[in-house]
N, C-alpha and C. Protein backbone atom coordinates (compact mmCIF):
# COMPACT_ATOMS: atom_id res chain seq x y z
N THR A 1 70.08 120.84 19.64
CA THR A 1 71.06 120.39 19.03
C THR A 1 72.45 120.59 18.49
N PRO A 2 73.38 119.74 18.55
CA PRO A 2 74.64 120.23 17.58
C PRO A 2 74.68 120.45 16.03
N ASP A 3 73.39 119.64 15.54
CA ASP A 3 73.37 120.31 14.15
C ASP A 3 72.43 121.36 13.71
N GLY A 4 71.97 121.82 14.87
CA GLY A 4 71.49 123.65 14.84
C GLY A 4 70.01 123.17 13.78
N GLU A 5 70.11 124.20 12.98
CA GLU A 5 69.14 124.14 12.02
C GLU A 5 68.73 123.01 11.15
N CYS A 6 70.17 122.50 10.58
CA CYS A 6 69.74 121.47 9.76
C CYS A 6 69.46 120.31 10.73
N ALA A 7 69.13 120.09 11.85
CA ALA A 7 68.54 119.09 12.28
C ALA A 7 66.55 119.54 12.32
N LEU A 8 66.49 120.03 12.15
CA LEU A 8 65.08 120.80 12.31
C LEU A 8 64.53 120.17 11.31
N PRO A 9 63.17 119.56 11.13
CA PRO A 9 61.99 119.03 10.80
C PRO A 9 61.71 120.09 9.45
N PRO A 10 61.47 119.82 8.06
CA PRO A 10 60.81 120.30 7.54
C PRO A 10 59.57 121.36 7.99
N ASP A 11 59.36 122.76 8.44
CA ASP A 11 58.17 123.23 8.46
C ASP A 11 57.53 124.13 7.48
N ARG A 12 56.34 123.96 7.10
CA ARG A 12 55.63 124.30 6.11
C ARG A 12 55.44 125.98 6.39
N GLY A 13 55.28 126.30 7.60
CA GLY A 13 54.80 127.58 7.76
C GLY A 13 53.55 127.95 7.84
N LEU A 14 52.89 129.26 8.15
CA LEU A 14 52.06 129.39 8.68
C LEU A 14 50.89 130.42 6.92
N CYS A 15 51.66 130.81 6.44
CA CYS A 15 51.07 131.57 5.37
C CYS A 15 50.27 130.60 4.51
N ARG A 16 49.35 131.18 3.02
CA ARG A 16 48.76 130.52 1.94
C ARG A 16 49.86 130.43 1.04
N GLY A 17 51.12 131.00 1.07
CA GLY A 17 51.76 130.55 -0.31
C GLY A 17 52.40 129.31 -0.63
N ASN A 18 53.01 128.98 -1.90
CA ASN A 18 53.35 127.46 -2.19
C ASN A 18 54.43 127.95 -2.85
N PHE A 19 55.67 127.75 -2.53
CA PHE A 19 56.90 128.11 -2.50
C PHE A 19 57.83 126.80 -2.47
N THR A 20 58.44 126.53 -3.43
CA THR A 20 59.56 125.30 -3.54
C THR A 20 60.78 125.88 -2.66
N ARG A 21 61.39 124.92 -1.66
CA ARG A 21 62.39 125.48 -0.85
C ARG A 21 63.30 123.95 -0.63
N TYR A 22 64.33 123.91 -0.05
CA TYR A 22 64.94 122.96 0.17
C TYR A 22 64.88 122.87 1.97
N HIS A 23 65.11 121.68 2.40
CA HIS A 23 65.59 121.22 4.04
C HIS A 23 66.75 119.79 3.76
N TRP A 24 67.30 119.87 4.78
CA TRP A 24 68.26 119.01 5.08
C TRP A 24 67.76 117.64 5.80
N ASP A 25 67.63 116.37 5.11
CA ASP A 25 67.18 115.63 5.73
C ASP A 25 68.35 114.80 6.54
N LYS A 26 68.40 114.90 7.73
CA LYS A 26 69.90 114.27 8.86
C LYS A 26 69.69 112.63 8.48
N GLU A 27 68.42 112.03 8.37
CA GLU A 27 68.42 110.40 8.08
C GLU A 27 68.95 109.99 6.71
N LEU A 28 68.78 110.80 5.52
CA LEU A 28 68.85 110.90 3.78
C LEU A 28 70.57 111.75 3.95
N GLY A 29 70.85 112.11 4.65
CA GLY A 29 72.03 113.07 4.39
C GLY A 29 72.46 113.75 3.40
N ASP A 30 70.99 114.41 2.80
CA ASP A 30 71.32 115.20 1.76
C ASP A 30 69.94 116.28 1.86
N CYS A 31 69.71 117.52 0.90
CA CYS A 31 68.67 118.09 1.10
C CYS A 31 67.82 117.98 0.34
N LYS A 32 66.18 117.71 0.33
CA LYS A 32 65.33 117.30 -0.18
C LYS A 32 64.07 118.75 -0.20
N GLU A 33 63.43 118.75 -1.44
CA GLU A 33 62.22 119.70 -1.98
C GLU A 33 61.18 119.89 -0.63
N PHE A 34 60.90 120.95 -0.53
CA PHE A 34 59.86 120.73 0.11
C PHE A 34 58.86 122.02 0.28
N ASN A 35 57.28 121.96 0.13
CA ASN A 35 56.67 123.38 -0.05
C ASN A 35 56.51 123.85 1.12
N TYR A 36 56.75 125.53 0.95
CA TYR A 36 56.62 126.48 1.95
C TYR A 36 56.07 127.30 1.88
N SER A 37 55.35 127.68 2.61
CA SER A 37 54.05 128.84 2.52
C SER A 37 54.63 130.33 2.68
N GLY A 38 55.83 130.29 2.52
CA GLY A 38 56.32 131.88 2.36
C GLY A 38 56.23 132.61 4.30
N CYS A 39 55.93 132.25 5.06
CA CYS A 39 55.91 132.88 6.53
C CYS A 39 56.28 131.80 7.43
N ALA A 40 56.84 132.26 8.48
CA ALA A 40 57.24 131.42 9.60
C ALA A 40 57.82 130.41 9.37
N GLY A 41 57.62 129.24 9.65
CA GLY A 41 58.75 127.88 9.47
C GLY A 41 59.73 128.12 10.48
N ASN A 42 61.04 127.42 10.14
CA ASN A 42 62.05 127.36 10.65
C ASN A 42 63.47 127.76 9.99
N ALA A 43 64.48 127.39 10.77
CA ALA A 43 65.84 127.67 10.01
C ALA A 43 66.14 126.87 8.96
N ASN A 44 65.66 125.71 8.82
CA ASN A 44 65.79 124.46 8.12
C ASN A 44 65.23 124.57 6.61
N ASN A 45 65.63 125.42 6.10
CA ASN A 45 64.83 126.42 4.77
C ASN A 45 65.85 126.97 3.92
N PHE A 46 65.90 126.57 3.02
CA PHE A 46 67.17 126.99 1.88
C PHE A 46 66.45 127.34 0.62
N GLY A 47 67.07 128.46 -0.20
CA GLY A 47 66.09 128.56 -1.32
C GLY A 47 66.62 127.82 -2.68
N SER A 48 67.75 127.26 -2.20
CA SER A 48 68.27 126.14 -3.22
C SER A 48 68.76 124.87 -3.12
N GLN A 49 68.83 123.80 -3.72
CA GLN A 49 69.50 122.74 -3.11
C GLN A 49 71.08 122.84 -2.91
N GLU A 50 71.65 123.58 -3.68
CA GLU A 50 73.00 123.99 -3.66
C GLU A 50 73.30 124.76 -2.36
N GLU A 51 72.52 125.82 -1.84
CA GLU A 51 72.69 126.62 -0.64
C GLU A 51 72.22 125.70 0.68
N CYS A 52 71.54 124.77 0.70
CA CYS A 52 71.39 123.72 1.57
C CYS A 52 72.94 122.66 1.78
N GLN A 53 73.01 122.02 0.84
CA GLN A 53 74.22 121.50 0.56
C GLN A 53 75.26 122.02 1.13
N THR A 54 75.64 123.18 0.71
CA THR A 54 76.87 124.09 0.95
C THR A 54 76.70 124.13 2.47
N PHE A 55 75.28 124.51 3.06
CA PHE A 55 75.27 125.05 4.67
C PHE A 55 75.10 123.52 5.53
N CYS A 56 74.65 122.90 5.03
CA CYS A 56 74.42 121.75 6.01
C CYS A 56 75.30 120.34 5.71
N LYS A 57 75.53 119.96 4.77
CA LYS A 57 76.70 118.72 4.03
C LYS A 57 77.56 119.35 4.76
N ALA A 58 78.32 120.44 4.66
CA ALA A 58 79.50 120.62 5.34
C ALA A 58 79.41 120.21 6.89
N LYS A 59 78.31 121.02 7.47
CA LYS A 59 78.05 120.87 8.85
C LYS A 59 78.25 119.30 9.12
N SER A 60 77.39 118.72 8.49
CA SER A 60 77.30 117.35 8.65
C SER A 60 78.66 116.51 8.70
N THR A 61 79.60 116.98 7.61
CA THR A 61 80.67 116.40 7.74
C THR A 61 81.36 116.87 8.67
N TYR A 62 81.60 118.07 9.21
CA TYR A 62 82.27 118.55 10.66
C TYR A 62 81.86 117.63 11.57
N LEU A 63 80.39 117.31 11.92
CA LEU A 63 80.13 117.00 13.23
C LEU A 63 80.65 115.55 12.79
N LYS A 64 80.37 114.52 12.17
CA LYS A 64 80.75 113.10 12.17
C LYS A 64 82.06 113.05 12.49
N LEU A 65 82.93 114.04 11.86
CA LEU A 65 84.36 114.06 12.17
C LEU A 65 84.79 114.01 13.87
N TRP A 66 84.06 115.25 13.99
CA TRP A 66 84.14 115.22 15.75
C TRP A 66 84.00 114.35 16.33
N LYS A 67 82.12 113.81 15.99
CA LYS A 67 81.92 112.87 16.87
C LYS A 67 83.24 111.39 17.36
N LYS A 68 84.01 111.36 15.75
CA LYS A 68 85.02 110.20 15.82
C LYS A 68 85.68 110.74 16.81
N VAL A 69 86.83 111.70 16.81
CA VAL A 69 87.50 112.23 17.73
C VAL A 69 86.92 112.00 18.89
N TRP A 70 85.95 112.77 19.08
CA TRP A 70 85.35 112.56 20.53
C TRP A 70 85.38 111.19 21.37
N ASP A 71 84.24 110.26 20.31
CA ASP A 71 84.28 108.85 20.58
C ASP A 71 86.25 108.08 21.38
N ALA A 72 86.72 108.50 20.32
CA ALA A 72 88.52 108.26 20.33
C ALA A 72 89.04 108.58 21.74
N MET A 73 88.81 109.57 22.09
CA MET A 73 89.44 109.92 23.39
C MET A 73 88.34 109.44 24.55
N GLN A 74 87.08 109.35 24.57
CA GLN A 74 86.50 109.11 25.47
C GLN A 74 87.02 107.19 25.38
N SER A 75 87.11 106.43 24.89
CA SER A 75 88.07 105.13 24.53
C SER A 75 89.14 105.59 25.31
N TRP A 76 90.07 106.46 24.79
CA TRP A 76 90.87 106.02 25.57
C TRP A 76 91.05 106.87 27.27
N LYS A 77 90.56 107.57 27.54
CA LYS A 77 90.16 108.15 28.69
C LYS A 77 89.58 106.67 29.69
N SER A 78 88.41 105.87 29.35
CA SER A 78 88.30 104.76 29.55
C SER A 78 89.39 103.79 29.98
N ARG A 79 90.22 103.74 29.42
CA ARG A 79 91.38 102.59 29.46
C ARG A 79 92.77 103.40 30.30
N GLY A 80 92.28 104.63 31.48
CA GLY A 80 92.82 105.40 32.01
C GLY A 80 94.30 106.59 31.77
N TYR A 81 93.79 106.26 30.51
CA TYR A 81 94.59 107.77 29.95
C TYR A 81 94.28 109.14 30.09
N SER A 82 94.86 110.54 30.21
CA SER A 82 94.02 111.28 30.30
C SER A 82 94.12 112.55 29.45
C-alpha cells in the first residue's frame, strides 16, 4: 500500500520477550502502544511514540494531501480537461 509500513497491523513477533513498542494505527491517525516479543514482527514497530509519530504522521499527512491532488486531477480529467 502507499502507506507502507505504517499501514501494517501491529505484530507481536515470535519470541518470548515483552517490550513496550509503538505502532501507527491508521484508523486512529496516531500511534498506539503494543507489546513486542523482541524478534520478527513487521516494520510498523517503533521504539518511542515520538519516533512513530515523526515517521508515520508526516507520511499520513503527505498521503492525504496527495490524494486530494489526485482526486482533483481526476475530476478535471472527467470534465474533458487534460
